[in-house]
Amino acid sequence: MSDTQDNFRKVYFEHRILVYNLALHYVLNIEDAEEITQDVFVKVHESFTTFKNESSLKTWIYRITINQSLDFIKRRDSKKRFFIFGRKSTSEKEYLNQSTFEHPGIALEDKEKSKLLFSIIDLLPETQKTAFLLSKLEGLGNQEIATIMETSVGAVESLLVRAKRTLQEKLEGKFEGYRRKK
C-alpha cells in the first residue's frame, strides 16, 4: 500500500464520524447523510495529493462537507420542484420527496420536538444555518467557524446573533416547558 493510500485511510478513519454527523445535521436523514459522507471522501480522495495545507486538514474537510451537504439539498429541492411541475410520480414519497427525520442521537420521545426545531433551523439562510450548526451542534469556536466559512470572526458573530433571533421568533411559544426562568 502506498503512503498516499495509507494517509488517506488514516484521514478517513479520523474524520468519518465528524463528516457523517455534520451531514446528518444538514439533511436529517441517515441514508442521505451516508451518501454525502461517501461523496465527501470521494472528493477528499481525489484532491488529497493536491491539498496545500493552507488551512488545517479538519477545516478543509469541514468545508467540503458543508459544500457537499448544501449541494445535496439544492439537488433534492430541485427534484422536488421537478416532480411538482414535471411528470407524474407513481410514488407518493417520491412526489413529496421529503427527507424523513432520522437522527439517531435523539430519543424517541423527543423526536417531534426535535423535528420541529430542525425544520426551523433548516429554514435559516445557508450562512446562518452553517454558522449555527458548526457552533451549537459541532461545538466549534467562532475563530474556527470563521476559518471554515472563509469569513471574519465578526461576521460569524453576526450570523449567530441573527440565527438565534430568527429561531427565537419562529419557536416562540412552541417549547413552553423548556423556557429558562428569568
C-alpha atoms as a PDB file:
ATOM      1  CA  MET A   1       0.000   0.000   0.000  1.00  0.00           C
ATOM      2  CA  SER A   2       1.357   3.416  -0.905  1.00  0.00           C
ATOM      3  CA  ASP A   3       1.949   6.201   1.605  1.00  0.00           C
ATOM      4  CA  THR A   4      -0.836   8.249  -0.040  1.00  0.00           C
ATOM      5  CA  GLN A   5      -3.334   5.414   0.372  1.00  0.00           C
ATOM      6  CA  ASP A   6      -2.185   4.849   3.922  1.00  0.00           C
ATOM      7  CA  ASN A   7      -2.518   8.564   4.726  1.00  0.00           C
ATOM      8  CA  PHE A   8      -5.957   8.737   3.133  1.00  0.00           C
ATOM      9  CA  ARG A   9      -7.103   5.695   5.106  1.00  0.00           C
ATOM     10  CA  LYS A  10      -5.919   7.391   8.309  1.00  0.00           C
ATOM     11  CA  VAL A  11      -7.745  10.617   7.392  1.00  0.00           C
ATOM     12  CA  TYR A  12     -10.899   8.654   6.630  1.00  0.00           C
ATOM     13  CA  PHE A  13     -10.929   6.846   9.971  1.00  0.00           C
ATOM     14  CA  GLU A  14     -10.130  10.036  11.909  1.00  0.00           C
ATOM     15  CA  HIS A  15     -12.803  12.186  10.229  1.00  0.00           C
ATOM     16  CA  ARG A  16     -15.621   9.893   9.048  1.00  0.00           C
ATOM     17  CA  ILE A  17     -17.790  10.412  12.135  1.00  0.00           C
ATOM     18  CA  LEU A  18     -17.318  14.194  12.037  1.00  0.00           C
ATOM     19  CA  VAL A  19     -18.347  14.237   8.344  1.00  0.00           C
ATOM     20  CA  TYR A  20     -21.337  11.950   8.888  1.00  0.00           C
ATOM     21  CA  ASN A  21     -22.624  13.904  11.903  1.00  0.00           C
ATOM     22  CA  LEU A  22     -22.330  17.270  10.148  1.00  0.00           C
ATOM     23  CA  ALA A  23     -24.068  15.921   7.035  1.00  0.00           C
ATOM     24  CA  LEU A  24     -26.795  14.441   9.241  1.00  0.00           C
ATOM     25  CA  HIS A  25     -27.358  17.844  10.864  1.00  0.00           C
ATOM     26  CA  TYR A  26     -27.953  19.295   7.401  1.00  0.00           C
ATOM     27  CA  VAL A  27     -30.171  16.626   5.821  1.00  0.00           C
ATOM     28  CA  LEU A  28     -31.761  14.913   8.871  1.00  0.00           C
ATOM     29  CA  ASN A  29     -31.830  11.561   7.114  1.00  0.00           C
ATOM     30  CA  ILE A  30     -29.468   8.649   7.725  1.00  0.00           C
ATOM     31  CA  GLU A  31     -29.256   7.410   4.118  1.00  0.00           C
ATOM     32  CA  ASP A  32     -28.728  10.922   2.762  1.00  0.00           C
ATOM     33  CA  ALA A  33     -26.011  11.595   5.360  1.00  0.00           C
ATOM     34  CA  GLU A  34     -24.294   8.338   4.399  1.00  0.00           C
ATOM     35  CA  GLU A  35     -24.432   9.328   0.720  1.00  0.00           C
ATOM     36  CA  ILE A  36     -22.965  12.755   1.476  1.00  0.00           C
ATOM     37  CA  THR A  37     -20.239  11.160   3.615  1.00  0.00           C
ATOM     38  CA  GLN A  38     -19.303   8.912   0.726  1.00  0.00           C
ATOM     39  CA  ASP A  39     -19.294  11.873  -1.695  1.00  0.00           C
ATOM     40  CA  VAL A  40     -17.104  13.894   0.685  1.00  0.00           C
ATOM     41  CA  PHE A  41     -14.492  11.182   0.926  1.00  0.00           C
ATOM     42  CA  VAL A  42     -14.507  10.616  -2.826  1.00  0.00           C
ATOM     43  CA  LYS A  43     -13.776  14.330  -3.188  1.00  0.00           C
ATOM     44  CA  VAL A  44     -11.141  14.214  -0.428  1.00  0.00           C
ATOM     45  CA  HIS A  45      -9.504  11.214  -2.086  1.00  0.00           C
ATOM     46  CA  GLU A  46      -9.492  12.905  -5.499  1.00  0.00           C
ATOM     47  CA  SER A  47      -7.947  16.077  -4.059  1.00  0.00           C
ATOM     48  CA  PHE A  48      -5.807  14.542  -1.316  1.00  0.00           C
ATOM     49  CA  THR A  49      -2.483  14.808  -3.140  1.00  0.00           C
ATOM     50  CA  THR A  50      -3.154  18.453  -4.040  1.00  0.00           C
ATOM     51  CA  PHE A  51      -4.124  19.577  -0.517  1.00  0.00           C
ATOM     52  CA  LYS A  52      -1.865  22.565   0.145  1.00  0.00           C
ATOM     53  CA  ASN A  53      -2.033  22.831   3.955  1.00  0.00           C
ATOM     54  CA  GLU A  54      -3.245  26.442   3.657  1.00  0.00           C
ATOM     55  CA  SER A  55      -5.720  25.503   6.368  1.00  0.00           C
ATOM     56  CA  SER A  56      -5.878  22.520   8.696  1.00  0.00           C
ATOM     57  CA  LEU A  57      -6.989  19.217   7.244  1.00  0.00           C
ATOM     58  CA  LYS A  58     -10.017  19.248   9.559  1.00  0.00           C
ATOM     59  CA  THR A  59     -11.044  22.715   8.314  1.00  0.00           C
ATOM     60  CA  TRP A  60     -10.652  21.582   4.704  1.00  0.00           C
ATOM     61  CA  ILE A  61     -12.825  18.508   5.349  1.00  0.00           C
ATOM     62  CA  TYR A  62     -15.455  20.605   7.156  1.00  0.00           C
ATOM     63  CA  ARG A  63     -15.586  22.943   4.151  1.00  0.00           C
ATOM     64  CA  ILE A  64     -16.014  20.049   1.708  1.00  0.00           C
ATOM     65  CA  THR A  65     -18.726  18.518   3.907  1.00  0.00           C
ATOM     66  CA  ILE A  66     -20.657  21.786   4.117  1.00  0.00           C
ATOM     67  CA  ASN A  67     -20.462  22.292   0.354  1.00  0.00           C
ATOM     68  CA  GLN A  68     -21.481  18.689  -0.388  1.00  0.00           C
ATOM     69  CA  SER A  69     -24.392  18.956   2.078  1.00  0.00           C
ATOM     70  CA  LEU A  70     -25.638  22.226   0.600  1.00  0.00           C
ATOM     71  CA  ASP A  71     -25.272  20.865  -2.952  1.00  0.00           C
ATOM     72  CA  PHE A  72     -27.210  17.747  -1.938  1.00  0.00           C
ATOM     73  CA  ILE A  73     -30.022  19.883  -0.502  1.00  0.00           C
ATOM     74  CA  LYS A  74     -30.155  22.014  -3.669  1.00  0.00           C
ATOM     75  CA  ARG A  75     -30.348  18.891  -5.863  1.00  0.00           C
ATOM     76  CA  ARG A  76     -33.062  17.429  -3.636  1.00  0.00           C
ATOM     77  CA  ASP A  77     -35.058  20.661  -3.708  1.00  0.00           C
ATOM     78  CA  SER A  78     -34.767  20.996  -7.486  1.00  0.00           C
ATOM     79  CA  LYS A  79     -36.004  17.393  -7.869  1.00  0.00           C
ATOM     80  CA  LYS A  80     -38.934  18.279  -5.604  1.00  0.00           C
ATOM     81  CA  ARG A  81     -39.847  21.183  -7.887  1.00  0.00           C
ATOM     82  CA  PHE A  82     -39.430  18.960 -10.944  1.00  0.00           C
ATOM     83  CA  PHE A  83     -41.896  16.423  -9.547  1.00  0.00           C
ATOM     84  CA  ILE A  84     -44.397  19.143  -8.724  1.00  0.00           C
ATOM     85  CA  PHE A  85     -44.220  20.759 -12.174  1.00  0.00           C
ATOM     86  CA  GLY A  86     -42.959  17.842 -14.241  1.00  0.00           C
ATOM     87  CA  ARG A  87     -44.007  14.258 -14.737  1.00  0.00           C
ATOM     88  CA  LYS A  88     -46.460  12.471 -12.508  1.00  0.00           C
ATOM     89  CA  SER A  89     -44.975  10.118  -9.995  1.00  0.00           C
ATOM     90  CA  THR A  90     -46.280   6.709  -9.025  1.00  0.00           C
ATOM     91  CA  SER A  91     -44.770   7.019  -5.567  1.00  0.00           C
ATOM     92  CA  GLU A  92     -46.208   9.464  -3.058  1.00  0.00           C
ATOM     93  CA  LYS A  93     -42.875   9.562  -1.220  1.00  0.00           C
ATOM     94  CA  GLU A  94     -41.058  10.358  -4.460  1.00  0.00           C
ATOM     95  CA  TYR A  95     -43.610  13.066  -5.247  1.00  0.00           C
ATOM     96  CA  LEU A  96     -43.304  14.678  -1.834  1.00  0.00           C
ATOM     97  CA  ASN A  97     -39.572  13.927  -1.774  1.00  0.00           C
ATOM     98  CA  GLN A  98     -39.379  14.877   1.866  1.00  0.00           C
ATOM     99  CA  SER A  99     -36.493  13.654   3.909  1.00  0.00           C
ATOM    100  CA  THR A 100     -37.604  11.745   6.943  1.00  0.00           C
ATOM    101  CA  PHE A 101     -36.395  12.873  10.314  1.00  0.00           C
ATOM    102  CA  GLU A 102     -33.981  10.141  11.294  1.00  0.00           C
ATOM    103  CA  HIS A 103     -31.469  11.414  13.802  1.00  0.00           C
ATOM    104  CA  PRO A 104     -30.097   8.567  15.925  1.00  0.00           C
ATOM    105  CA  GLY A 105     -28.853  10.910  18.643  1.00  0.00           C
ATOM    106  CA  ILE A 106     -32.366  11.962  19.624  1.00  0.00           C
ATOM    107  CA  ALA A 107     -34.549   9.941  21.979  1.00  0.00           C
ATOM    108  CA  LEU A 108     -37.855   8.708  20.611  1.00  0.00           C
ATOM    109  CA  GLU A 109     -39.934  10.866  22.972  1.00  0.00           C
ATOM    110  CA  ASP A 110     -38.077  13.976  21.803  1.00  0.00           C
ATOM    111  CA  LYS A 111     -38.400  13.229  18.064  1.00  0.00           C
ATOM    112  CA  GLU A 112     -41.399  15.522  17.442  1.00  0.00           C
ATOM    113  CA  LYS A 113     -39.867  18.497  19.253  1.00  0.00           C
ATOM    114  CA  SER A 114     -36.528  17.879  17.583  1.00  0.00           C
ATOM    115  CA  LYS A 115     -38.166  17.541  14.181  1.00  0.00           C
ATOM    116  CA  LEU A 116     -39.814  20.933  14.697  1.00  0.00           C
ATOM    117  CA  LEU A 117     -36.552  22.509  15.850  1.00  0.00           C
ATOM    118  CA  PHE A 118     -34.537  21.105  12.944  1.00  0.00           C
ATOM    119  CA  SER A 119     -37.246  22.097  10.441  1.00  0.00           C
ATOM    120  CA  ILE A 120     -36.922  25.702  11.680  1.00  0.00           C
ATOM    121  CA  ILE A 121     -33.098  25.529  11.584  1.00  0.00           C
ATOM    122  CA  ASP A 122     -33.428  24.258   8.011  1.00  0.00           C
ATOM    123  CA  LEU A 123     -35.272  27.468   7.059  1.00  0.00           C
ATOM    124  CA  LEU A 124     -32.326  29.686   8.033  1.00  0.00           C
ATOM    125  CA  PRO A 125     -30.305  31.217   5.196  1.00  0.00           C
ATOM    126  CA  GLU A 126     -27.332  28.979   4.277  1.00  0.00           C
ATOM    127  CA  THR A 127     -24.685  31.086   6.015  1.00  0.00           C
ATOM    128  CA  GLN A 128     -26.681  31.429   9.246  1.00  0.00           C
ATOM    129  CA  LYS A 129     -27.513  27.713   9.212  1.00  0.00           C
ATOM    130  CA  THR A 130     -23.874  26.775   8.682  1.00  0.00           C
ATOM    131  CA  ALA A 131     -22.617  29.069  11.455  1.00  0.00           C
ATOM    132  CA  PHE A 132     -25.342  27.838  13.825  1.00  0.00           C
ATOM    133  CA  LEU A 133     -24.725  24.126  13.127  1.00  0.00           C
ATOM    134  CA  LEU A 134     -20.971  24.490  13.497  1.00  0.00           C
ATOM    135  CA  SER A 135     -21.336  26.469  16.731  1.00  0.00           C
ATOM    136  CA  LYS A 136     -24.197  24.799  18.544  1.00  0.00           C
ATOM    137  CA  LEU A 137     -24.111  21.237  17.245  1.00  0.00           C
ATOM    138  CA  GLU A 138     -20.451  20.758  16.399  1.00  0.00           C
ATOM    139  CA  GLY A 139     -19.228  22.879  19.321  1.00  0.00           C
ATOM    140  CA  LEU A 140     -16.693  24.871  17.317  1.00  0.00           C
ATOM    141  CA  GLY A 141     -15.411  28.283  18.350  1.00  0.00           C
ATOM    142  CA  ASN A 142     -16.040  31.413  16.310  1.00  0.00           C
ATOM    143  CA  GLN A 143     -12.447  31.580  15.067  1.00  0.00           C
ATOM    144  CA  GLU A 144     -12.583  28.035  13.698  1.00  0.00           C
ATOM    145  CA  ILE A 145     -16.003  28.686  12.148  1.00  0.00           C
ATOM    146  CA  ALA A 146     -14.637  31.845  10.501  1.00  0.00           C
ATOM    147  CA  THR A 147     -11.765  29.843   9.038  1.00  0.00           C
ATOM    148  CA  ILE A 148     -14.081  27.109   7.747  1.00  0.00           C
ATOM    149  CA  MET A 149     -16.525  29.631   6.274  1.00  0.00           C
ATOM    150  CA  GLU A 150     -13.691  31.823   4.977  1.00  0.00           C
ATOM    151  CA  THR A 151     -15.035  34.936   6.681  1.00  0.00           C
ATOM    152  CA  SER A 152     -14.245  37.104   9.696  1.00  0.00           C
ATOM    153  CA  VAL A 153     -14.976  36.327  13.347  1.00  0.00           C
ATOM    154  CA  GLY A 154     -17.226  39.406  13.436  1.00  0.00           C
ATOM    155  CA  ALA A 155     -19.242  38.068  10.507  1.00  0.00           C
ATOM    156  CA  VAL A 156     -19.664  34.729  12.303  1.00  0.00           C
ATOM    157  CA  GLU A 157     -20.824  36.512  15.474  1.00  0.00           C
ATOM    158  CA  SER A 158     -23.335  38.489  13.420  1.00  0.00           C
ATOM    159  CA  LEU A 159     -24.600  35.334  11.671  1.00  0.00           C
ATOM    160  CA  LEU A 160     -25.060  33.601  15.024  1.00  0.00           C
ATOM    161  CA  VAL A 161     -26.955  36.550  16.525  1.00  0.00           C
ATOM    162  CA  ARG A 162     -29.286  36.698  13.501  1.00  0.00           C
ATOM    163  CA  ALA A 163     -29.763  32.913  13.504  1.00  0.00           C
ATOM    164  CA  LYS A 164     -30.634  32.895  17.221  1.00  0.00           C
ATOM    165  CA  ARG A 165     -33.039  35.815  16.790  1.00  0.00           C
ATOM    166  CA  THR A 166     -34.802  34.086  13.885  1.00  0.00           C
ATOM    167  CA  LEU A 167     -35.031  30.810  15.780  1.00  0.00           C
ATOM    168  CA  GLN A 168     -36.405  32.555  18.872  1.00  0.00           C
ATOM    169  CA  GLU A 169     -39.075  34.311  16.793  1.00  0.00           C
ATOM    170  CA  LYS A 170     -40.131  31.151  14.934  1.00  0.00           C
ATOM    171  CA  LEU A 171     -40.069  28.936  18.015  1.00  0.00           C
ATOM    172  CA  GLU A 172     -41.763  31.361  20.401  1.00  0.00           C
ATOM    173  CA  GLY A 173     -44.404  29.510  22.363  1.00  0.00           C
ATOM    174  CA  LYS A 174     -43.545  26.099  20.920  1.00  0.00           C
ATOM    175  CA  PHE A 175     -41.336  24.899  23.792  1.00  0.00           C
ATOM    176  CA  GLU A 176     -43.029  26.386  26.848  1.00  0.00           C
ATOM    177  CA  GLY A 177     -41.822  23.615  29.173  1.00  0.00           C
ATOM    178  CA  TYR A 178     -38.210  24.265  28.195  1.00  0.00           C
ATOM    179  CA  ARG A 179     -38.099  28.026  28.774  1.00  0.00           C
ATOM    180  CA  ARG A 180     -35.421  29.332  31.060  1.00  0.00           C
ATOM    181  CA  LYS A 181     -36.572  31.090  34.167  1.00  0.00           C
ATOM    182  CA  LYS A 182     -35.557  34.749  34.157  1.00  0.00           C
END
